[in-house]
Amino acid sequence: MSEPQKGIITPHVAISRVNASLAARRARERRFRIYGRIAIGLALAFLVTLFVSIFTKGIPGFFQYYVTLEVVIDQEKIDPDGDLSVQSLYDGDARGIIRSALYKVTGAEGRSGRKAAGKLISKGAEQRLRKAIIKNPALVGQTVAMKFALDDDADSFLRGYISSAVPEKDRRISDKQIEFINKLQKLNLISYDFSDYLIFGSASRDPEIAGIKGAFIGSMLTLAVCLVLAFPMGVATAIYLEEFAPKNRITELIEVNINNLAAVPSVVFGILGLAVFISIFGMPRSIPLIGGVVLALMTLPTIIISSRAAIRAVPPSIRDAAFGVGASKLQTVMHHVLPLAMPGMLTGTIIGMAQALGETAPLLMIGMVAFIVDIPGSVTDPGTVLPVQIFMWADFAERMFIHKTSAAIIVLLVFLISMNAIAIFIRSRLERRW
């Protein structure tokens, strides 16, 4: 039997090499799958850690401690003018009425004792009493059980952040105040309830009465301006570039610039808004109108790109069929292409709005970081937005602001997730497959 010639591969050797190559490739694929699962596991671990941290700190922010007092609403004290007008109620001694009820249950005596007891009640207690009387004037002259928020220091003590074992000079609450709190607890007058201030309150330096209502309404007004400007302009630009614009260097330059603008940092748009709308045109700072315009400029490239992709996804046969029955170019686009591309356009728009809702940097540049107590009634009233409110709260030193910051983040996340869920729902209901 002759030996195989040099350089010639026998079938046995070829099969062995193929099997070895297959084994090596399968081993690499297994390693790649393992690496992918590790990467996904790490990403999920970081995500779970983030959400656990936010919810652990945020859930307590939805609750706070209240004290229930039997308030004697004396006509002469609360309404000195006798007409139950807002001015008369503000001239009245709401603070004295509330503190009298507090002194009665705590047994506070003397100037120092009453001063210590008075500090247990939030500064927003007087406003709560006035609002209750404005809502129901029949309360005047009666003895009513009402809940008032405790001060931030008393709330922190009840949450365990301030220890009575620490020397009195080193803590923000005195021994006398701790004695009053213990007495109120024994009488079951202190309760841990849902914080209506968080949802219905506005900006405040006092954490126990600070809320997100003003920032939430400001966010909605800002997003409304952004949507009104960005959606029609983005869709019209996408339709023109995709269906009508001639393919030349000018349109190519426009397309490149649109793609580049989508990657520009958001703070640049804030600088643009500051330079153009405020410095040149002299428009006021911190109004939802300017914020919406800046966010519209930032969101416009995203809407244009997603709308163009949705238009390109419409099969050419739809256009050919429309042209075949005599439709014009405009009729084809408006009656056939646009309705079929609208689900993708809406999806891109909602995702762009969700991105705009979470932006902070461009709004800081146009002054929406200002401390504004009043709730904006229109797009030209001073206001702020949720991300900026969160940014401001995170910089405050009071312990209760930590919980309220995380609670506001949870509210913001809920809206962001809801907007993305709406985008998915719209796409699944309206999308057509060919």
Protein backbone atom coordinates (compact mmCIF):
# COMPACT_ATOMS: atom_id res chain seq x y z
CA MET A 1 0.00 0.00 0.00
CA SER A 2 1.43 3.32 -1.04
CA GLU A 3 1.82 6.09 1.52
CA PRO A 4 -0.13 9.36 1.04
CA GLN A 5 1.79 11.99 -0.84
CA LYS A 6 3.16 14.99 1.01
CA GLY A 7 0.70 17.95 1.10
CA ILE A 8 -2.38 15.86 0.41
CA ILE A 9 -4.94 15.83 3.29
CA THR A 10 -6.61 12.53 3.86
CA PRO A 11 -10.35 12.35 4.66
CA HIS A 12 -9.59 11.25 8.21
CA VAL A 13 -7.37 14.30 8.84
CA ALA A 14 -9.92 16.66 7.21
CA ILE A 15 -12.72 15.29 9.38
CA SER A 16 -10.58 15.67 12.48
CA ARG A 17 -9.76 19.27 11.63
CA VAL A 18 -13.41 20.07 10.91
CA ASN A 19 -14.50 18.51 14.19
CA ALA A 20 -11.82 20.44 16.08
CA SER A 21 -12.89 23.69 14.36
CA LEU A 22 -16.56 23.01 15.20
CA ALA A 23 -15.69 22.28 18.82
CA ALA A 24 -13.68 25.52 19.06
CA ARG A 25 -16.50 27.55 17.49
CA ARG A 26 -19.09 26.00 19.79
CA ALA A 27 -16.87 26.74 22.78
CA ARG A 28 -16.55 30.38 21.67
CA GLU A 29 -20.32 30.60 21.25
CA ARG A 30 -20.84 29.18 24.73
CA ARG A 31 -18.38 31.68 26.18
CA PHE A 32 -20.08 34.50 24.27
CA ARG A 33 -23.48 33.47 25.68
CA ILE A 34 -22.00 33.35 29.18
CA TYR A 35 -20.46 36.81 28.74
CA GLY A 36 -23.79 38.13 27.46
CA ARG A 37 -25.68 36.66 30.41
CA ILE A 38 -23.12 38.12 32.82
CA ALA A 39 -23.49 41.54 31.18
CA ILE A 40 -27.30 41.34 31.37
CA GLY A 41 -27.07 40.15 34.98
CA LEU A 42 -24.80 43.06 35.92
CA ALA A 43 -27.09 45.55 34.17
CA LEU A 44 -30.13 44.14 35.96
CA ALA A 45 -28.24 44.15 39.27
CA PHE A 46 -27.38 47.84 38.86
CA LEU A 47 -30.96 48.60 37.81
CA VAL A 48 -32.43 46.73 40.79
CA THR A 49 -29.97 48.47 43.12
CA LEU A 50 -30.99 51.85 41.71
CA PHE A 51 -34.72 51.17 42.04
CA VAL A 52 -34.37 49.67 45.52
CA SER A 53 -32.41 52.72 46.64
CA ILE A 54 -34.95 55.14 45.15
CA PHE A 55 -38.01 53.30 46.48
CA THR A 56 -36.47 52.68 49.91
CA LYS A 57 -35.91 56.41 50.36
CA GLY A 58 -38.92 57.52 48.31
CA ILE A 59 -41.80 55.54 49.81
CA PRO A 60 -41.39 57.24 53.24
CA GLY A 61 -41.56 60.56 51.39
CA PHE A 62 -45.21 59.86 50.53
CA PHE A 63 -46.03 59.78 54.25
CA GLN A 64 -45.45 62.07 57.21
CA TYR A 65 -46.51 62.54 60.83
CA TYR A 66 -49.60 64.53 61.75
CA VAL A 67 -51.08 65.58 65.08
CA THR A 68 -54.85 65.72 65.60
CA LEU A 69 -56.09 68.66 67.67
CA GLU A 70 -59.54 69.75 68.86
CA VAL A 71 -59.56 73.28 67.49
CA VAL A 72 -62.04 75.79 68.88
CA ILE A 73 -62.71 78.11 65.92
CA ASP A 74 -63.73 81.31 67.68
CA GLN A 75 -65.52 83.82 65.44
CA GLU A 76 -63.80 86.91 66.84
CA LYS A 77 -60.31 85.42 66.71
CA ILE A 78 -60.41 83.86 63.26
CA ASP A 79 -62.63 86.46 61.52
CA PRO A 80 -62.14 89.90 63.10
CA ASP A 81 -64.01 91.72 60.30
CA GLY A 82 -66.94 89.29 60.50
CA ASP A 83 -67.30 88.86 56.72
CA LEU A 84 -65.32 85.61 56.28
CA SER A 85 -63.24 87.27 53.56
CA VAL A 86 -59.77 86.00 52.76
CA GLN A 87 -58.24 89.21 54.07
CA SER A 88 -60.18 88.93 57.32
CA LEU A 89 -59.08 85.32 57.81
CA TYR A 90 -55.45 86.32 57.26
CA ASP A 91 -55.86 89.16 59.75
CA GLY A 92 -57.27 86.71 62.28
CA ASP A 93 -55.27 84.81 64.87
CA ALA A 94 -55.20 81.35 63.27
CA ARG A 95 -51.88 80.60 64.93
CA GLY A 96 -53.26 81.42 68.38
CA ILE A 97 -56.28 79.17 67.86
CA ILE A 98 -54.12 76.21 66.85
CA ARG A 99 -51.57 76.71 69.60
CA SER A 100 -54.26 77.04 72.25
CA ALA A 101 -55.49 73.58 71.28
CA LEU A 102 -51.90 72.29 71.38
CA TYR A 103 -51.17 73.83 74.79
CA LYS A 104 -54.32 72.25 76.16
CA VAL A 105 -53.36 68.66 75.27
CA THR A 106 -49.64 68.98 76.04
CA GLY A 107 -50.08 70.95 79.26
CA ALA A 108 -47.44 73.45 78.13
CA GLU A 109 -46.98 76.23 80.65
CA GLY A 110 -44.80 79.29 80.81
CA ARG A 111 -43.11 81.08 77.97
CA SER A 112 -40.40 78.45 77.37
CA GLY A 113 -42.88 75.55 77.52
CA ARG A 114 -45.30 77.16 75.08
CA LYS A 115 -42.45 78.13 72.78
CA ALA A 116 -41.22 74.53 72.75
CA ALA A 117 -44.72 73.19 72.09
CA GLY A 118 -45.37 75.71 69.32
CA LYS A 119 -42.30 74.55 67.42
CA LEU A 120 -43.80 71.07 67.08
CA ILE A 121 -46.42 72.27 64.60
CA SER A 122 -45.61 73.05 61.00
CA LYS A 123 -45.82 76.62 59.75
CA GLY A 124 -48.38 75.43 57.22
CA ALA A 125 -50.94 74.68 59.96
CA GLU A 126 -52.41 78.20 59.84
CA GLN A 127 -52.93 78.01 56.08
CA ARG A 128 -54.60 74.62 56.44
CA LEU A 129 -57.07 76.05 58.96
CA ARG A 130 -57.85 79.05 56.74
CA LYS A 131 -58.42 76.83 53.69
CA ALA A 132 -60.76 74.59 55.68
CA ILE A 133 -62.85 77.61 56.73
CA ILE A 134 -62.91 79.02 53.18
CA LYS A 135 -64.11 75.65 51.93
CA ASN A 136 -66.69 75.24 54.68
CA PRO A 137 -67.61 78.52 56.47
CA ALA A 138 -69.96 76.58 58.76
CA LEU A 139 -66.90 75.49 60.78
CA VAL A 140 -66.71 78.94 62.38
CA GLY A 141 -67.97 78.82 65.94
CA GLN A 142 -67.49 75.07 66.26
CA THR A 143 -64.93 72.76 67.85
CA VAL A 144 -63.40 70.68 65.06
CA ALA A 145 -60.84 67.85 65.09
CA MET A 146 -58.20 68.70 62.50
CA LYS A 147 -54.87 67.15 61.48
CA PHE A 148 -51.81 69.35 61.25
CA ALA A 149 -48.38 68.34 59.99
CA LEU A 150 -45.60 68.15 62.54
CA ASP A 151 -42.45 70.17 62.06
CA ASP A 152 -39.53 68.59 60.22
CA ASP A 153 -37.49 68.14 63.41
CA ALA A 154 -40.37 66.42 65.24
CA ASP A 155 -40.99 64.25 62.17
CA SER A 156 -37.30 63.29 62.01
CA PHE A 157 -37.37 62.38 65.71
CA LEU A 158 -40.38 60.11 65.21
CA ARG A 159 -38.67 58.46 62.23
CA GLY A 160 -35.66 57.68 64.42
CA TYR A 161 -33.18 60.07 62.80
CA ILE A 162 -32.82 62.08 66.01
CA SER A 163 -32.00 60.12 69.14
CA SER A 164 -32.96 61.20 72.63
CA ALA A 165 -29.72 59.60 73.85
CA VAL A 166 -27.73 62.39 72.19
CA PRO A 167 -27.04 65.37 74.49
CA GLU A 168 -29.68 68.10 74.15
CA LYS A 169 -27.20 70.70 72.93
CA ASP A 170 -26.19 68.43 70.00
CA ARG A 171 -29.67 67.81 68.59
CA ARG A 172 -32.30 70.00 66.94
CA ILE A 173 -35.10 69.07 69.32
CA SER A 174 -35.19 69.79 73.05
CA ASP A 175 -35.99 67.48 75.94
CA LYS A 176 -39.18 69.46 76.55
CA GLN A 177 -40.32 68.88 72.99
CA ILE A 178 -39.57 65.17 73.29
CA GLU A 179 -41.68 65.11 76.46
CA PHE A 180 -44.58 66.74 74.59
CA ILE A 181 -44.24 64.31 71.67
CA ASN A 182 -44.32 61.32 74.03
CA LYS A 183 -47.42 62.71 75.70
CA LEU A 184 -49.16 63.20 72.34
CA GLN A 185 -48.29 59.63 71.38
CA LYS A 186 -49.75 58.26 74.60
CA LEU A 187 -52.97 60.14 73.81
CA ASN A 188 -52.93 58.57 70.27
CA LEU A 189 -53.01 62.03 68.72
CA ILE A 190 -49.99 61.48 66.42
CA SER A 191 -50.55 59.50 63.22
CA TYR A 192 -48.39 58.48 60.26
CA ASP A 193 -50.53 59.24 57.19
CA PHE A 194 -50.25 59.88 53.47
CA SER A 195 -48.68 63.28 52.82
CA ASP A 196 -51.20 65.48 51.06
CA TYR A 197 -48.58 68.23 51.06
CA LEU A 198 -46.34 66.25 48.68
CA ILE A 199 -49.01 66.03 45.98
CA PHE A 200 -50.95 69.26 46.57
CA GLY A 201 -48.26 71.49 48.07
CA SER A 202 -45.95 73.82 46.23
CA ALA A 203 -42.35 74.94 46.66
CA SER A 204 -41.33 75.71 50.23
CA ARG A 205 -38.20 75.94 52.36
CA ASP A 206 -40.02 73.94 55.05
CA PRO A 207 -39.78 70.28 54.02
CA GLU A 208 -42.94 69.15 55.82
CA ILE A 209 -45.16 71.37 53.62
CA ALA A 210 -43.14 71.25 50.38
CA GLY A 211 -44.86 69.64 47.40
CA ILE A 212 -44.67 69.01 43.68
CA LYS A 213 -47.97 70.50 42.48
CA GLY A 214 -46.42 73.67 41.09
CA ALA A 215 -43.55 71.78 39.45
CA PHE A 216 -45.94 69.19 38.00
CA ILE A 217 -48.20 71.82 36.44
CA GLY A 218 -45.12 73.65 35.16
CA SER A 219 -43.92 70.41 33.55
CA MET A 220 -47.28 69.86 31.87
CA LEU A 221 -47.37 73.43 30.51
CA THR A 222 -43.78 73.16 29.28
CA LEU A 223 -44.47 69.82 27.58
CA ALA A 224 -47.64 71.21 26.01
CA VAL A 225 -45.65 74.03 24.39
CA CYS A 226 -42.99 71.55 23.31
CA LEU A 227 -45.56 69.21 21.73
CA VAL A 228 -47.44 71.98 19.93
CA LEU A 229 -44.21 73.22 18.34
CA ALA A 230 -42.16 70.07 17.82
CA PHE A 231 -44.73 67.57 16.51
CA PRO A 232 -46.14 69.46 13.49
CA MET A 233 -42.75 70.91 12.56
CA GLY A 234 -41.01 67.55 12.92
CA VAL A 235 -43.62 65.65 10.89
CA ALA A 236 -43.75 68.33 8.17
CA THR A 237 -39.95 68.37 7.89
CA ALA A 238 -39.80 64.58 7.69
CA ILE A 239 -42.47 64.46 4.97
CA TYR A 240 -40.74 67.13 2.90
CA LEU A 241 -37.26 65.61 3.17
CA GLU A 242 -38.48 62.07 2.49
CA GLU A 243 -41.12 62.66 -0.19
CA PHE A 244 -40.64 66.03 -1.88
CA ALA A 245 -37.11 67.38 -1.39
CA PRO A 246 -34.71 66.84 -4.32
CA LYS A 247 -31.68 64.71 -3.55
CA ASN A 248 -28.78 67.13 -3.82
CA ARG A 249 -25.97 68.45 -1.67
CA ILE A 250 -28.19 70.93 0.13
CA THR A 251 -30.62 68.28 1.36
CA GLU A 252 -27.70 66.00 2.24
CA LEU A 253 -26.20 68.80 4.32
CA ILE A 254 -29.55 69.34 6.05
CA GLU A 255 -29.85 65.62 6.83
CA VAL A 256 -26.32 65.49 8.24
CA ASN A 257 -27.00 68.50 10.45
CA ILE A 258 -30.26 66.99 11.72
CA ASN A 259 -28.44 63.80 12.67
CA ASN A 260 -25.71 65.83 14.35
CA LEU A 261 -28.24 67.92 16.30
CA ALA A 262 -29.72 64.73 17.75
CA ALA A 263 -26.37 64.07 19.45
CA VAL A 264 -25.75 67.60 20.74
CA PRO A 265 -25.74 67.81 24.59
CA SER A 266 -28.97 69.26 25.94
CA VAL A 267 -27.16 72.04 27.81
CA VAL A 268 -26.18 73.55 24.44
CA PHE A 269 -29.87 74.09 23.64
CA GLY A 270 -30.21 75.80 27.02
CA ILE A 271 -27.36 78.15 26.13
CA LEU A 272 -29.04 78.81 22.78
CA GLY A 273 -32.33 79.66 24.51
CA LEU A 274 -30.52 81.93 26.96
CA ALA A 275 -28.66 83.75 24.19
CA VAL A 276 -31.55 84.11 21.74
CA PHE A 277 -34.85 84.29 23.60
CA ILE A 278 -33.71 85.96 26.83
CA SER A 279 -30.66 88.04 25.88
CA ILE A 280 -31.70 89.14 22.37
CA PHE A 281 -35.51 89.16 22.51
CA GLY A 282 -35.66 90.09 26.22
CA MET A 283 -38.25 87.48 27.17
CA PRO A 284 -38.70 86.77 30.90
CA ARG A 285 -36.82 83.97 32.58
CA SER A 286 -38.36 80.91 34.19
CA ILE A 287 -41.58 80.70 32.18
CA PRO A 288 -42.94 77.48 30.61
CA LEU A 289 -43.17 79.19 27.20
CA ILE A 290 -39.38 79.59 26.89
CA GLY A 291 -38.80 76.17 28.46
CA GLY A 292 -41.15 74.57 25.94
CA VAL A 293 -39.46 76.30 23.00
CA VAL A 294 -36.01 75.16 24.16
CA LEU A 295 -37.21 71.58 24.68
CA ALA A 296 -38.92 71.67 21.27
CA LEU A 297 -35.60 72.58 19.63
CA MET A 298 -33.95 69.73 21.52
CA THR A 299 -36.69 67.20 20.67
CA LEU A 300 -37.15 68.20 17.02
CA PRO A 301 -34.25 66.11 15.59
CA THR A 302 -35.52 62.98 17.37
CA ILE A 303 -39.03 63.46 15.96
CA ILE A 304 -37.71 64.13 12.45
CA ILE A 305 -35.48 61.05 12.44
CA SER A 306 -38.18 58.72 13.80
CA SER A 307 -40.80 60.17 11.42
CA ARG A 308 -38.53 59.68 8.41
CA ALA A 309 -37.91 56.08 9.45
CA ALA A 310 -41.66 55.52 9.75
CA ILE A 311 -42.25 56.99 6.27
CA ARG A 312 -39.52 54.80 4.76
CA ALA A 313 -41.14 51.75 6.36
CA VAL A 314 -44.29 52.21 4.23
CA PRO A 315 -44.01 49.76 1.28
CA PRO A 316 -43.46 51.36 -2.16
CA SER A 317 -46.41 49.33 -3.45
CA ILE A 318 -48.75 51.64 -1.49
CA ARG A 319 -47.42 54.64 -3.39
CA ASP A 320 -47.51 52.79 -6.71
CA ALA A 321 -51.12 51.75 -6.16
CA ALA A 322 -52.15 55.32 -5.33
CA PHE A 323 -50.36 56.68 -8.39
CA GLY A 324 -51.98 53.94 -10.47
CA VAL A 325 -55.50 55.15 -9.68
CA GLY A 326 -54.61 58.75 -10.50
CA ALA A 327 -53.72 60.22 -7.09
CA SER A 328 -51.36 63.16 -7.02
CA LYS A 329 -48.11 63.19 -5.02
CA LEU A 330 -49.72 65.22 -2.22
CA GLN A 331 -52.82 63.00 -2.14
CA THR A 332 -50.65 59.90 -1.99
CA VAL A 333 -48.65 61.22 0.93
CA MET A 334 -51.58 62.68 2.90
CA HIS A 335 -54.16 59.92 2.31
CA HIS A 336 -52.00 56.79 2.19
CA VAL A 337 -48.40 57.23 3.38
CA LEU A 338 -49.01 59.50 6.36
CA PRO A 339 -51.80 57.40 7.99
CA LEU A 340 -49.66 54.27 7.71
CA ALA A 341 -46.57 56.04 9.08
CA MET A 342 -48.42 57.82 11.90
CA PRO A 343 -47.96 55.03 14.53
CA GLY A 344 -44.19 55.27 14.18
CA MET A 345 -44.34 59.05 14.22
CA LEU A 346 -46.42 59.09 17.40
CA THR A 347 -44.08 56.60 19.02
CA GLY A 348 -41.05 58.74 18.26
CA THR A 349 -42.86 61.85 19.43
CA ILE A 350 -43.89 60.34 22.77
CA ILE A 351 -40.37 59.03 23.36
CA GLY A 352 -39.05 62.50 22.55
CA MET A 353 -41.55 64.04 25.00
CA ALA A 354 -40.46 61.57 27.66
CA GLN A 355 -36.86 62.62 27.07
CA ALA A 356 -37.88 66.29 27.34
CA LEU A 357 -39.79 65.61 30.59
CA GLY A 358 -36.61 64.39 32.27
CA GLU A 359 -34.30 67.17 31.08
CA THR A 360 -32.82 69.56 33.63
CA ALA A 361 -29.71 71.21 32.14
CA PRO A 362 -31.38 73.34 29.40
CA LEU A 363 -34.05 74.56 31.83
CA LEU A 364 -31.44 75.55 34.40
CA MET A 365 -29.80 77.74 31.77
CA ILE A 366 -33.00 79.74 31.18
CA GLY A 367 -33.62 80.34 34.88
CA MET A 368 -36.30 77.76 35.72
CA VAL A 369 -34.33 76.99 38.88
CA ALA A 370 -35.86 80.04 40.57
CA PHE A 371 -37.71 79.51 43.86
CA ILE A 372 -41.36 80.05 42.87
CA VAL A 373 -44.15 79.42 45.37
CA ASP A 374 -47.12 80.33 43.15
CA ILE A 375 -48.55 77.70 40.83
CA PRO A 376 -48.35 78.82 37.16
CA GLY A 377 -51.72 79.44 35.56
CA SER A 378 -50.46 79.88 31.99
CA VAL A 379 -47.32 79.42 29.89
CA THR A 380 -46.29 83.01 30.59
CA ASP A 381 -46.40 82.73 34.40
CA PRO A 382 -43.15 81.97 36.26
CA GLY A 383 -42.80 78.31 37.09
CA THR A 384 -40.50 75.36 37.43
CA VAL A 385 -40.55 71.69 36.38
CA LEU A 386 -40.21 68.37 38.16
CA PRO A 387 -36.55 67.63 37.27
CA VAL A 388 -35.49 71.10 38.42
CA GLN A 389 -37.56 70.73 41.61
CA ILE A 390 -35.77 67.46 42.30
CA PHE A 391 -32.43 69.14 41.65
CA MET A 392 -33.27 71.93 44.10
CA TRP A 393 -34.53 69.59 46.83
CA ALA A 394 -31.42 67.43 46.57
CA ASP A 395 -29.35 70.45 47.56
CA PHE A 396 -31.29 71.18 50.77
CA ALA A 397 -29.85 70.01 54.07
CA GLU A 398 -33.03 68.93 55.91
CA ARG A 399 -33.43 65.18 56.29
CA MET A 400 -37.05 65.16 55.15
CA PHE A 401 -36.05 66.61 51.78
CA ILE A 402 -34.10 63.38 51.08
CA HIS A 403 -37.34 61.39 51.23
CA LYS A 404 -39.30 63.99 49.27
CA THR A 405 -36.60 64.10 46.59
CA SER A 406 -36.81 60.33 46.12
CA ALA A 407 -40.62 60.50 46.19
CA ALA A 408 -40.57 63.14 43.43
CA ILE A 409 -38.19 60.92 41.44
CA ILE A 410 -40.70 58.06 41.76
CA VAL A 411 -43.47 60.33 40.45
CA LEU A 412 -41.25 61.37 37.54
CA LEU A 413 -40.35 57.74 36.77
CA VAL A 414 -44.03 56.78 36.82
CA PHE A 415 -44.80 59.43 34.20
CA LEU A 416 -41.81 58.46 32.07
CA ILE A 417 -42.76 54.77 32.18
CA SER A 418 -46.39 55.66 31.46
CA MET A 419 -45.43 57.71 28.41
CA ASN A 420 -43.29 54.87 27.06
CA ALA A 421 -46.10 52.39 27.75
CA ILE A 422 -48.53 54.64 25.85
CA ALA A 423 -46.08 54.73 22.92
CA ILE A 424 -45.88 50.93 22.88
CA PHE A 425 -49.68 50.63 23.12
CA ILE A 426 -50.29 53.09 20.28
CA ARG A 427 -47.77 51.35 18.09
CA SER A 428 -49.22 47.88 18.75
CA ARG A 429 -52.82 49.04 18.11
CA LEU A 430 -52.21 51.14 15.00
CA GLU A 431 -49.28 49.40 13.37
CA ARG A 432 -49.95 47.43 10.21
CA ARG A 433 -47.77 44.59 9.02
CA TRP A 434 -47.26 43.67 5.40
